[in-house]
């Protein structure tokens, strides 16, 4: 044992530089590897930042940047809002389709990379004709379709807003299914108007405006203006028992008849809600009928 201890002490004394060299080499290698790892990690983070994906429902600076790129490429004609809604998604669809990318409406790495290198076509202008410069700006924006405001093929539904909804409301009013102003917001009144139009034209009654409903609206004849200042009501026969929760043209006809007889003062919505039920109850009370708020045969007989 004493001999072993002596040999170990002698080795430490005779070759001290060997441990020092190994120690320095380990430190140098560790520092080099750490530097490579940090560099790689930084590159990965940088790449992730550049390829940040945005999609419908997102908002913020990334969406503003996306909309700016879409507008520069000629696919987003309005101002950048910072909100990724239905209109932005339709623009992304159009761009992806034109570039042969996967058409999913999501602005991922490949879509953003294509957008950053895409430039909208601009017609060359002769320098001696400065007036032509104003005309040449027009090709930068997408070509305006025959139905202005209804850009893209995405379905419109409850909660949507913008110029496409304003155009939809204009068409509904022209056809006689909307009496209020065009607000640009697809709310309950607009949804009910769409349902009544779909029902009257034998379309699926879902309250959404797709290509079929839109085509029917664009080809629908303009409603005849009312002669007495009352809302335009298309003729409809009341052929069923009506009660709270019902909707349709026959409910609109009922509301109009109740207005004519001074029992109802609300808007003609085509939806049998509380105000319509109250009017029917008043009609029944005035004519000694059972007061249940349901418009049946007896109520119809006294309302003719």
C-alpha atoms as a PDB file:
ATOM      1  CA  UNK A   1       0.000   0.000   0.000  1.00  0.00           C
ATOM      2  CA  UNK A   2       2.805   2.422   0.835  1.00  0.00           C
ATOM      3  CA  UNK A   3       4.496   1.574  -2.462  1.00  0.00           C
ATOM      4  CA  UNK A   4       1.278   2.338  -4.427  1.00  0.00           C
ATOM      5  CA  UNK A   5       0.874   5.700  -2.684  1.00  0.00           C
ATOM      6  CA  UNK A   6       4.435   6.565  -3.442  1.00  0.00           C
ATOM      7  CA  UNK A   7       4.086   5.713  -7.119  1.00  0.00           C
ATOM      8  CA  UNK A   8       0.913   7.822  -7.433  1.00  0.00           C
ATOM      9  CA  UNK A   9       2.591  10.840  -5.778  1.00  0.00           C
ATOM     10  CA  UNK A  10       5.615  10.447  -8.025  1.00  0.00           C
ATOM     11  CA  UNK A  11       3.457  10.343 -11.154  1.00  0.00           C
ATOM     12  CA  UNK A  12       1.650  13.531 -10.123  1.00  0.00           C
ATOM     13  CA  UNK A  13       5.008  15.213  -9.512  1.00  0.00           C
ATOM     14  CA  UNK A  14       6.721  13.993 -12.668  1.00  0.00           C
ATOM     15  CA  UNK A  15       3.886  14.637 -15.193  1.00  0.00           C
ATOM     16  CA  UNK A  16       1.832  17.636 -13.976  1.00  0.00           C
ATOM     17  CA  UNK A  17       1.585  19.139 -17.478  1.00  0.00           C
ATOM     18  CA  UNK A  18      -0.393  16.143 -18.787  1.00  0.00           C
ATOM     19  CA  UNK A  19      -3.436  16.938 -16.636  1.00  0.00           C
ATOM     20  CA  UNK A  20      -3.213  20.597 -17.393  1.00  0.00           C
ATOM     21  CA  UNK A  21      -3.128  19.970 -21.146  1.00  0.00           C
ATOM     22  CA  UNK A  22      -6.106  17.640 -20.952  1.00  0.00           C
ATOM     23  CA  UNK A  23      -7.988  20.149 -18.872  1.00  0.00           C
ATOM     24  CA  UNK A  24      -7.286  22.949 -21.327  1.00  0.00           C
ATOM     25  CA  UNK A  25      -8.304  20.770 -24.266  1.00  0.00           C
ATOM     26  CA  UNK A  26     -11.621  19.868 -22.617  1.00  0.00           C
ATOM     27  CA  UNK A  27     -12.334  23.531 -21.901  1.00  0.00           C
ATOM     28  CA  UNK A  28     -11.499  24.541 -25.473  1.00  0.00           C
ATOM     29  CA  UNK A  29     -13.661  21.780 -26.966  1.00  0.00           C
ATOM     30  CA  UNK A  30     -16.546  22.602 -24.654  1.00  0.00           C
ATOM     31  CA  UNK A  31     -16.401  26.283 -25.569  1.00  0.00           C
ATOM     32  CA  UNK A  32     -16.319  25.461 -29.290  1.00  0.00           C
ATOM     33  CA  UNK A  33     -19.293  23.085 -29.029  1.00  0.00           C
ATOM     34  CA  UNK A  34     -21.223  25.596 -26.935  1.00  0.00           C
ATOM     35  CA  UNK A  35     -20.607  28.276 -29.551  1.00  0.00           C
ATOM     36  CA  UNK A  36     -21.888  26.015 -32.344  1.00  0.00           C
ATOM     37  CA  UNK A  37     -24.964  25.082 -30.319  1.00  0.00           C
ATOM     38  CA  UNK A  38     -25.794  28.726 -29.579  1.00  0.00           C
ATOM     39  CA  UNK A  39     -25.311  29.659 -33.227  1.00  0.00           C
ATOM     40  CA  UNK A  40     -27.573  26.835 -34.389  1.00  0.00           C
ATOM     41  CA  UNK A  41     -30.214  27.700 -31.789  1.00  0.00           C
ATOM     42  CA  UNK A  42     -30.118  31.339 -32.823  1.00  0.00           C
ATOM     43  CA  UNK A  43     -30.524  30.381 -36.491  1.00  0.00           C
ATOM     44  CA  UNK A  44     -33.480  28.175 -35.639  1.00  0.00           C
ATOM     45  CA  UNK A  45     -35.146  30.970 -33.686  1.00  0.00           C
ATOM     46  CA  UNK A  46     -34.495  33.423 -36.525  1.00  0.00           C
ATOM     47  CA  UNK A  47     -35.970  31.014 -39.062  1.00  0.00           C
ATOM     48  CA  UNK A  48     -38.984  30.420 -36.844  1.00  0.00           C
ATOM     49  CA  UNK A  49     -39.522  34.159 -36.519  1.00  0.00           C
ATOM     50  CA  UNK A  50     -39.366  34.656 -40.284  1.00  0.00           C
ATOM     51  CA  UNK A  51     -41.786  31.786 -40.937  1.00  0.00           C
ATOM     52  CA  UNK A  52     -44.422  32.842 -38.411  1.00  0.00           C
ATOM     53  CA  UNK A  53     -47.759  31.380 -39.527  1.00  0.00           C
ATOM     54  CA  UNK A  54     -50.923  33.483 -39.471  1.00  0.00           C
ATOM     55  CA  UNK A  55     -54.476  32.358 -40.125  1.00  0.00           C
ATOM     56  CA  UNK A  56     -58.100  33.413 -39.732  1.00  0.00           C
ATOM     57  CA  UNK A  57     -58.833  34.865 -36.301  1.00  0.00           C
ATOM     58  CA  UNK A  58     -55.301  36.194 -35.703  1.00  0.00           C
ATOM     59  CA  UNK A  59     -54.602  39.898 -35.205  1.00  0.00           C
ATOM     60  CA  UNK A  60     -51.661  42.217 -34.672  1.00  0.00           C
ATOM     61  CA  UNK A  61     -48.528  43.395 -36.425  1.00  0.00           C
ATOM     62  CA  UNK A  62     -47.995  40.065 -38.246  1.00  0.00           C
ATOM     63  CA  UNK A  63     -51.437  40.344 -39.848  1.00  0.00           C
ATOM     64  CA  UNK A  64     -50.770  43.973 -40.853  1.00  0.00           C
ATOM     65  CA  UNK A  65     -47.522  42.817 -42.494  1.00  0.00           C
ATOM     66  CA  UNK A  66     -49.391  40.023 -44.321  1.00  0.00           C
ATOM     67  CA  UNK A  67     -52.067  42.431 -45.571  1.00  0.00           C
ATOM     68  CA  UNK A  68     -49.380  44.889 -46.730  1.00  0.00           C
ATOM     69  CA  UNK A  69     -47.703  42.108 -48.725  1.00  0.00           C
ATOM     70  CA  UNK A  70     -51.030  41.008 -50.209  1.00  0.00           C
ATOM     71  CA  UNK A  71     -51.823  44.579 -51.218  1.00  0.00           C
ATOM     72  CA  UNK A  72     -48.372  45.025 -52.777  1.00  0.00           C
ATOM     73  CA  UNK A  73     -49.002  41.833 -54.768  1.00  0.00           C
ATOM     74  CA  UNK A  74     -52.410  43.109 -55.900  1.00  0.00           C
ATOM     75  CA  UNK A  75     -54.625  40.785 -53.858  1.00  0.00           C
ATOM     76  CA  UNK A  76     -55.809  43.041 -51.004  1.00  0.00           C
ATOM     77  CA  UNK A  77     -57.269  46.361 -52.279  1.00  0.00           C
ATOM     78  CA  UNK A  78     -58.347  47.827 -48.941  1.00  0.00           C
ATOM     79  CA  UNK A  79     -56.343  49.293 -46.042  1.00  0.00           C
ATOM     80  CA  UNK A  80     -54.537  46.953 -43.626  1.00  0.00           C
ATOM     81  CA  UNK A  81     -56.706  46.364 -40.545  1.00  0.00           C
ATOM     82  CA  UNK A  82     -54.518  44.018 -38.498  1.00  0.00           C
ATOM     83  CA  UNK A  83     -57.344  41.463 -38.258  1.00  0.00           C
ATOM     84  CA  UNK A  84     -57.233  38.188 -40.223  1.00  0.00           C
ATOM     85  CA  UNK A  85     -60.880  37.813 -41.201  1.00  0.00           C
ATOM     86  CA  UNK A  86     -62.848  36.304 -44.049  1.00  0.00           C
ATOM     87  CA  UNK A  87     -61.768  38.991 -46.535  1.00  0.00           C
ATOM     88  CA  UNK A  88     -58.049  38.424 -45.800  1.00  0.00           C
ATOM     89  CA  UNK A  89     -58.508  34.663 -46.012  1.00  0.00           C
ATOM     90  CA  UNK A  90     -60.123  35.014 -49.462  1.00  0.00           C
ATOM     91  CA  UNK A  91     -57.143  37.120 -50.606  1.00  0.00           C
ATOM     92  CA  UNK A  92     -54.694  34.458 -49.335  1.00  0.00           C
ATOM     93  CA  UNK A  93     -56.716  31.788 -51.179  1.00  0.00           C
ATOM     94  CA  UNK A  94     -56.498  33.745 -54.436  1.00  0.00           C
ATOM     95  CA  UNK A  95     -52.754  34.330 -54.074  1.00  0.00           C
ATOM     96  CA  UNK A  96     -52.020  30.684 -53.220  1.00  0.00           C
ATOM     97  CA  UNK A  97     -54.097  29.520 -56.186  1.00  0.00           C
ATOM     98  CA  UNK A  98     -52.255  31.847 -58.569  1.00  0.00           C
ATOM     99  CA  UNK A  99     -48.844  30.642 -57.340  1.00  0.00           C
ATOM    100  CA  UNK A 100     -49.628  26.920 -57.377  1.00  0.00           C
ATOM    101  CA  UNK A 101     -49.426  26.653 -53.581  1.00  0.00           C
ATOM    102  CA  UNK A 102     -51.630  24.606 -51.284  1.00  0.00           C
ATOM    103  CA  UNK A 103     -54.901  26.561 -51.109  1.00  0.00           C
ATOM    104  CA  UNK A 104     -55.643  26.470 -47.370  1.00  0.00           C
ATOM    105  CA  UNK A 105     -55.975  30.184 -46.524  1.00  0.00           C
ATOM    106  CA  UNK A 106     -53.114  29.931 -44.014  1.00  0.00           C
ATOM    107  CA  UNK A 107     -50.135  32.254 -44.440  1.00  0.00           C
ATOM    108  CA  UNK A 108     -47.281  29.880 -43.650  1.00  0.00           C
ATOM    109  CA  UNK A 109     -43.603  29.863 -44.620  1.00  0.00           C
ATOM    110  CA  UNK A 110     -44.042  29.104 -48.338  1.00  0.00           C
ATOM    111  CA  UNK A 111     -46.898  31.587 -48.787  1.00  0.00           C
ATOM    112  CA  UNK A 112     -45.009  34.381 -46.988  1.00  0.00           C
ATOM    113  CA  UNK A 113     -41.843  33.661 -48.941  1.00  0.00           C
ATOM    114  CA  UNK A 114     -43.757  33.838 -52.232  1.00  0.00           C
ATOM    115  CA  UNK A 115     -45.454  37.073 -51.119  1.00  0.00           C
ATOM    116  CA  UNK A 116     -42.156  38.727 -50.229  1.00  0.00           C
ATOM    117  CA  UNK A 117     -40.851  38.127 -53.755  1.00  0.00           C
ATOM    118  CA  UNK A 118     -44.126  38.915 -55.521  1.00  0.00           C
ATOM    119  CA  UNK A 119     -44.726  42.289 -57.159  1.00  0.00           C
ATOM    120  CA  UNK A 120     -48.019  43.415 -58.665  1.00  0.00           C
ATOM    121  CA  UNK A 121     -47.865  44.062 -62.437  1.00  0.00           C
ATOM    122  CA  UNK A 122     -47.569  47.730 -63.340  1.00  0.00           C
ATOM    123  CA  UNK A 123     -48.024  49.032 -66.872  1.00  0.00           C
ATOM    124  CA  UNK A 124     -44.906  50.928 -68.063  1.00  0.00           C
ATOM    125  CA  UNK A 125     -45.457  54.643 -68.504  1.00  0.00           C
ATOM    126  CA  UNK A 126     -43.629  56.888 -70.967  1.00  0.00           C
ATOM    127  CA  UNK A 127     -41.738  59.597 -69.041  1.00  0.00           C
ATOM    128  CA  UNK A 128     -42.969  62.281 -71.433  1.00  0.00           C
ATOM    129  CA  UNK A 129     -46.595  61.621 -70.519  1.00  0.00           C
ATOM    130  CA  UNK A 130     -46.909  62.176 -66.751  1.00  0.00           C
ATOM    131  CA  UNK A 131     -50.730  62.097 -66.958  1.00  0.00           C
ATOM    132  CA  UNK A 132     -50.570  58.420 -67.952  1.00  0.00           C
ATOM    133  CA  UNK A 133     -48.965  57.686 -64.564  1.00  0.00           C
ATOM    134  CA  UNK A 134     -52.338  58.016 -62.847  1.00  0.00           C
ATOM    135  CA  UNK A 135     -53.950  55.618 -65.309  1.00  0.00           C
ATOM    136  CA  UNK A 136     -51.198  53.031 -64.936  1.00  0.00           C
ATOM    137  CA  UNK A 137     -51.876  52.556 -61.214  1.00  0.00           C
ATOM    138  CA  UNK A 138     -55.198  50.801 -61.909  1.00  0.00           C
ATOM    139  CA  UNK A 139     -53.729  47.348 -62.802  1.00  0.00           C
ATOM    140  CA  UNK A 140     -52.134  47.144 -59.327  1.00  0.00           C
ATOM    141  CA  UNK A 141     -55.528  46.476 -57.709  1.00  0.00           C
ATOM    142  CA  UNK A 142     -57.524  43.317 -58.514  1.00  0.00           C
ATOM    143  CA  UNK A 143     -60.046  43.678 -61.320  1.00  0.00           C
ATOM    144  CA  UNK A 144     -63.382  44.785 -59.917  1.00  0.00           C
ATOM    145  CA  UNK A 145     -66.019  42.058 -60.479  1.00  0.00           C
ATOM    146  CA  UNK A 146     -69.523  42.659 -61.767  1.00  0.00           C
ATOM    147  CA  UNK A 147     -70.843  42.506 -58.190  1.00  0.00           C
ATOM    148  CA  UNK A 148     -68.701  45.141 -56.413  1.00  0.00           C
ATOM    149  CA  UNK A 149     -68.108  44.431 -52.746  1.00  0.00           C
ATOM    150  CA  UNK A 150     -68.684  40.696 -52.999  1.00  0.00           C
ATOM    151  CA  UNK A 151     -65.036  39.813 -53.710  1.00  0.00           C
ATOM    152  CA  UNK A 152     -63.908  36.198 -53.456  1.00  0.00           C
ATOM    153  CA  UNK A 153     -65.943  33.012 -53.209  1.00  0.00           C
ATOM    154  CA  UNK A 154     -66.055  32.520 -49.437  1.00  0.00           C
ATOM    155  CA  UNK A 155     -69.463  32.161 -47.792  1.00  0.00           C
ATOM    156  CA  UNK A 156     -70.922  35.080 -45.861  1.00  0.00           C
ATOM    157  CA  UNK A 157     -72.589  34.365 -42.526  1.00  0.00           C
ATOM    158  CA  UNK A 158     -73.562  35.726 -39.130  1.00  0.00           C
ATOM    159  CA  UNK A 159     -70.835  37.899 -37.588  1.00  0.00           C
ATOM    160  CA  UNK A 160     -69.116  38.883 -40.838  1.00  0.00           C
ATOM    161  CA  UNK A 161     -68.610  42.546 -41.714  1.00  0.00           C
ATOM    162  CA  UNK A 162     -67.243  44.757 -44.478  1.00  0.00           C
ATOM    163  CA  UNK A 163     -68.094  45.942 -47.952  1.00  0.00           C
ATOM    164  CA  UNK A 164     -69.200  42.477 -49.061  1.00  0.00           C
ATOM    165  CA  UNK A 165     -71.910  42.490 -46.386  1.00  0.00           C
ATOM    166  CA  UNK A 166     -72.949  46.014 -47.405  1.00  0.00           C
ATOM    167  CA  UNK A 167     -73.374  44.836 -50.993  1.00  0.00           C
ATOM    168  CA  UNK A 168     -75.372  41.810 -49.811  1.00  0.00           C
ATOM    169  CA  UNK A 169     -77.718  44.058 -47.819  1.00  0.00           C
ATOM    170  CA  UNK A 170     -78.193  46.296 -50.863  1.00  0.00           C
ATOM    171  CA  UNK A 171     -79.255  43.263 -52.908  1.00  0.00           C
ATOM    172  CA  UNK A 172     -81.646  42.083 -50.182  1.00  0.00           C
ATOM    173  CA  UNK A 173     -83.237  45.520 -49.989  1.00  0.00           C
ATOM    174  CA  UNK A 174     -83.613  45.730 -53.753  1.00  0.00           C
ATOM    175  CA  UNK A 175     -85.363  42.344 -53.760  1.00  0.00           C
ATOM    176  CA  UNK A 176     -87.700  43.495 -50.969  1.00  0.00           C
ATOM    177  CA  UNK A 177     -86.350  41.358 -48.137  1.00  0.00           C
ATOM    178  CA  UNK A 178     -84.598  44.020 -46.065  1.00  0.00           C
ATOM    179  CA  UNK A 179     -86.091  47.357 -45.020  1.00  0.00           C
ATOM    180  CA  UNK A 180     -83.349  48.789 -42.815  1.00  0.00           C
ATOM    181  CA  UNK A 181     -80.096  50.524 -43.815  1.00  0.00           C
ATOM    182  CA  UNK A 182     -77.002  48.722 -45.098  1.00  0.00           C
ATOM    183  CA  UNK A 183     -74.756  48.599 -42.030  1.00  0.00           C
ATOM    184  CA  UNK A 184     -71.976  46.362 -43.320  1.00  0.00           C
ATOM    185  CA  UNK A 185     -72.525  43.965 -40.409  1.00  0.00           C
ATOM    186  CA  UNK A 186     -74.156  40.537 -40.833  1.00  0.00           C
ATOM    187  CA  UNK A 187     -76.405  40.423 -37.785  1.00  0.00           C
ATOM    188  CA  UNK A 188     -79.700  38.789 -36.846  1.00  0.00           C
ATOM    189  CA  UNK A 189     -81.808  41.033 -39.099  1.00  0.00           C
ATOM    190  CA  UNK A 190     -79.659  40.295 -42.153  1.00  0.00           C
ATOM    191  CA  UNK A 191     -79.613  36.587 -41.365  1.00  0.00           C
ATOM    192  CA  UNK A 192     -83.406  36.472 -41.097  1.00  0.00           C
ATOM    193  CA  UNK A 193     -83.727  38.370 -44.391  1.00  0.00           C
ATOM    194  CA  UNK A 194     -81.445  35.831 -46.071  1.00  0.00           C
ATOM    195  CA  UNK A 195     -83.520  32.951 -44.687  1.00  0.00           C
ATOM    196  CA  UNK A 196     -86.749  34.480 -45.979  1.00  0.00           C
ATOM    197  CA  UNK A 197     -85.219  34.977 -49.404  1.00  0.00           C
ATOM    198  CA  UNK A 198     -83.958  31.382 -49.457  1.00  0.00           C
ATOM    199  CA  UNK A 199     -87.342  30.050 -48.413  1.00  0.00           C
ATOM    200  CA  UNK A 200     -89.182  32.099 -51.048  1.00  0.00           C
ATOM    201  CA  UNK A 201     -86.782  30.915 -53.761  1.00  0.00           C
ATOM    202  CA  UNK A 202     -86.751  27.249 -52.713  1.00  0.00           C
ATOM    203  CA  UNK A 203     -83.119  27.280 -51.627  1.00  0.00           C
ATOM    204  CA  UNK A 204     -81.654  25.522 -48.575  1.00  0.00           C
ATOM    205  CA  UNK A 205     -82.712  27.726 -45.636  1.00  0.00           C
ATOM    206  CA  UNK A 206     -79.511  28.036 -43.617  1.00  0.00           C
ATOM    207  CA  UNK A 207     -78.975  31.811 -43.371  1.00  0.00           C
ATOM    208  CA  UNK A 208     -75.591  31.626 -45.148  1.00  0.00           C
ATOM    209  CA  UNK A 209     -74.860  33.350 -48.460  1.00  0.00           C
ATOM    210  CA  UNK A 210     -72.937  31.052 -50.763  1.00  0.00           C
ATOM    211  CA  UNK A 211     -72.614  31.123 -54.540  1.00  0.00           C
ATOM    212  CA  UNK A 212     -76.140  29.730 -55.147  1.00  0.00           C
ATOM    213  CA  UNK A 213     -77.925  32.229 -52.892  1.00  0.00           C
ATOM    214  CA  UNK A 214     -75.804  35.078 -54.247  1.00  0.00           C
ATOM    215  CA  UNK A 215     -76.598  34.182 -57.865  1.00  0.00           C
ATOM    216  CA  UNK A 216     -80.321  34.079 -57.052  1.00  0.00           C
ATOM    217  CA  UNK A 217     -80.117  37.480 -55.331  1.00  0.00           C
ATOM    218  CA  UNK A 218     -78.306  39.088 -58.265  1.00  0.00           C
ATOM    219  CA  UNK A 219     -80.929  37.819 -60.714  1.00  0.00           C
ATOM    220  CA  UNK A 220     -83.922  38.580 -58.472  1.00  0.00           C
ATOM    221  CA  UNK A 221     -86.231  41.313 -59.833  1.00  0.00           C
ATOM    222  CA  UNK A 222     -86.452  44.576 -57.945  1.00  0.00           C
ATOM    223  CA  UNK A 223     -89.379  44.737 -55.534  1.00  0.00           C
ATOM    224  CA  UNK A 224     -92.273  47.057 -56.373  1.00  0.00           C
ATOM    225  CA  UNK A 225     -92.099  50.197 -54.209  1.00  0.00           C
ATOM    226  CA  UNK A 226     -94.951  50.415 -51.663  1.00  0.00           C
ATOM    227  CA  UNK A 227     -97.709  52.908 -52.397  1.00  0.00           C
ATOM    228  CA  UNK A 228     -98.468  53.983 -48.815  1.00  0.00           C
ATOM    229  CA  UNK A 229     -94.999  54.233 -47.332  1.00  0.00           C
ATOM    230  CA  UNK A 230     -95.233  50.850 -45.581  1.00  0.00           C
ATOM    231  CA  UNK A 231     -92.418  48.286 -46.011  1.00  0.00           C
ATOM    232  CA  UNK A 232     -92.454  46.250 -49.215  1.00  0.00           C
ATOM    233  CA  UNK A 233     -94.245  42.966 -48.579  1.00  0.00           C
ATOM    234  CA  UNK A 234     -94.435  40.224 -51.128  1.00  0.00           C
ATOM    235  CA  UNK A 235     -97.884  38.633 -51.352  1.00  0.00           C
ATOM    236  CA  UNK A 236     -98.150  35.495 -49.271  1.00  0.00           C
ATOM    237  CA  UNK A 237    -101.066  33.377 -48.171  1.00  0.00           C
ATOM    238  CA  UNK A 238    -101.350  32.293 -44.535  1.00  0.00           C
ATOM    239  CA  UNK A 239    -102.023  28.588 -44.916  1.00  0.00           C
ATOM    240  CA  UNK A 240    -100.820  27.217 -41.587  1.00  0.00           C
ATOM    241  CA  UNK A 241    -101.129  27.751 -37.870  1.00  0.00           C
ATOM    242  CA  UNK A 242     -98.566  30.349 -36.801  1.00  0.00           C
ATOM    243  CA  UNK A 243     -96.996  30.551 -33.356  1.00  0.00           C
ATOM    244  CA  UNK A 244     -93.918  31.940 -31.594  1.00  0.00           C
ATOM    245  CA  UNK A 245     -90.715  30.698 -33.222  1.00  0.00           C
ATOM    246  CA  UNK A 246     -92.141  30.427 -36.746  1.00  0.00           C
ATOM    247  CA  UNK A 247     -90.666  32.388 -39.638  1.00  0.00           C
ATOM    248  CA  UNK A 248     -91.300  32.912 -43.326  1.00  0.00           C
ATOM    249  CA  UNK A 249     -93.280  34.899 -45.843  1.00  0.00           C
ATOM    250  CA  UNK A 250     -96.603  33.999 -44.214  1.00  0.00           C
ATOM    251  CA  UNK A 251     -95.361  35.528 -40.935  1.00  0.00           C
ATOM    252  CA  UNK A 252     -94.457  38.699 -42.839  1.00  0.00           C
ATOM    253  CA  UNK A 253     -97.964  38.722 -44.331  1.00  0.00           C
ATOM    254  CA  UNK A 254     -99.461  38.291 -40.845  1.00  0.00           C
ATOM    255  CA  UNK A 255     -97.412  41.183 -39.462  1.00  0.00           C
ATOM    256  CA  UNK A 256     -98.464  43.421 -42.335  1.00  0.00           C
ATOM    257  CA  UNK A 257    -102.152  42.608 -41.795  1.00  0.00           C
ATOM    258  CA  UNK A 258    -101.782  43.275 -38.081  1.00  0.00           C
ATOM    259  CA  UNK A 259    -100.210  46.653 -38.953  1.00  0.00           C
ATOM    260  CA  UNK A 260    -103.127  47.468 -41.267  1.00  0.00           C
ATOM    261  CA  UNK A 261    -105.583  46.691 -38.434  1.00  0.00           C
ATOM    262  CA  UNK A 262    -103.548  48.739 -35.890  1.00  0.00           C
ATOM    263  CA  UNK A 263    -102.626  45.745 -33.727  1.00  0.00           C
ATOM    264  CA  UNK A 264     -98.910  45.730 -34.552  1.00  0.00           C
ATOM    265  CA  UNK A 265     -96.447  48.628 -34.702  1.00  0.00           C
ATOM    266  CA  UNK A 266     -93.103  46.845 -34.995  1.00  0.00           C
ATOM    267  CA  UNK A 267     -90.963  46.089 -38.059  1.00  0.00           C
ATOM    268  CA  UNK A 268     -91.964  43.476 -40.606  1.00  0.00           C
ATOM    269  CA  UNK A 269     -89.294  40.848 -39.928  1.00  0.00           C
ATOM    270  CA  UNK A 270     -90.962  37.576 -40.954  1.00  0.00           C
ATOM    271  CA  UNK A 271     -90.139  36.137 -37.515  1.00  0.00           C
ATOM    272  CA  UNK A 272     -92.896  35.316 -35.000  1.00  0.00           C
ATOM    273  CA  UNK A 273     -91.407  36.815 -31.836  1.00  0.00           C
ATOM    274  CA  UNK A 274     -92.778  38.445 -28.675  1.00  0.00           C
ATOM    275  CA  UNK A 275     -94.147  41.606 -30.338  1.00  0.00           C
ATOM    276  CA  UNK A 276     -96.048  39.578 -32.932  1.00  0.00           C
ATOM    277  CA  UNK A 277     -97.442  37.297 -30.229  1.00  0.00           C
ATOM    278  CA  UNK A 278     -98.602  40.329 -28.211  1.00  0.00           C
ATOM    279  CA  UNK A 279    -100.341  41.747 -31.294  1.00  0.00           C
ATOM    280  CA  UNK A 280    -102.137  38.435 -31.897  1.00  0.00           C
ATOM    281  CA  UNK A 281    -103.242  38.344 -28.240  1.00  0.00           C
ATOM    282  CA  UNK A 282    -104.660  41.867 -28.579  1.00  0.00           C
ATOM    283  CA  UNK A 283    -106.507  40.781 -31.724  1.00  0.00           C
ATOM    284  CA  UNK A 284    -107.958  37.787 -29.897  1.00  0.00           C
ATOM    285  CA  UNK A 285    -108.914  39.875 -26.858  1.00  0.00           C
ATOM    286  CA  UNK A 286    -110.709  42.467 -29.019  1.00  0.00           C
ATOM    287  CA  UNK A 287    -112.726  39.787 -30.795  1.00  0.00           C
ATOM    288  CA  UNK A 288    -113.620  37.610 -27.780  1.00  0.00           C
ATOM    289  CA  UNK A 289    -111.430  34.710 -28.897  1.00  0.00           C
ATOM    290  CA  UNK A 290    -109.358  32.393 -26.692  1.00  0.00           C
ATOM    291  CA  UNK A 291    -106.238  34.390 -25.813  1.00  0.00           C
ATOM    292  CA  UNK A 292    -103.289  32.088 -26.490  1.00  0.00           C
ATOM    293  CA  UNK A 293    -101.101  34.156 -28.841  1.00  0.00           C
ATOM    294  CA  UNK A 294    -101.351  31.503 -31.555  1.00  0.00           C
ATOM    295  CA  UNK A 295    -102.689  32.580 -34.931  1.00  0.00           C
ATOM    296  CA  UNK A 296    -105.106  29.875 -36.002  1.00  0.00           C
ATOM    297  CA  UNK A 297    -108.242  29.589 -38.091  1.00  0.00           C
ATOM    298  CA  UNK A 298    -110.477  31.684 -35.790  1.00  0.00           C
ATOM    299  CA  UNK A 299    -107.919  34.502 -35.569  1.00  0.00           C
ATOM    300  CA  UNK A 300    -107.471  34.405 -39.334  1.00  0.00           C
ATOM    301  CA  UNK A 301    -111.216  34.681 -39.862  1.00  0.00           C
ATOM    302  CA  UNK A 302    -111.496  37.975 -37.948  1.00  0.00           C
ATOM    303  CA  UNK A 303    -108.315  39.405 -39.521  1.00  0.00           C
ATOM    304  CA  UNK A 304    -109.512  39.110 -43.143  1.00  0.00           C
END
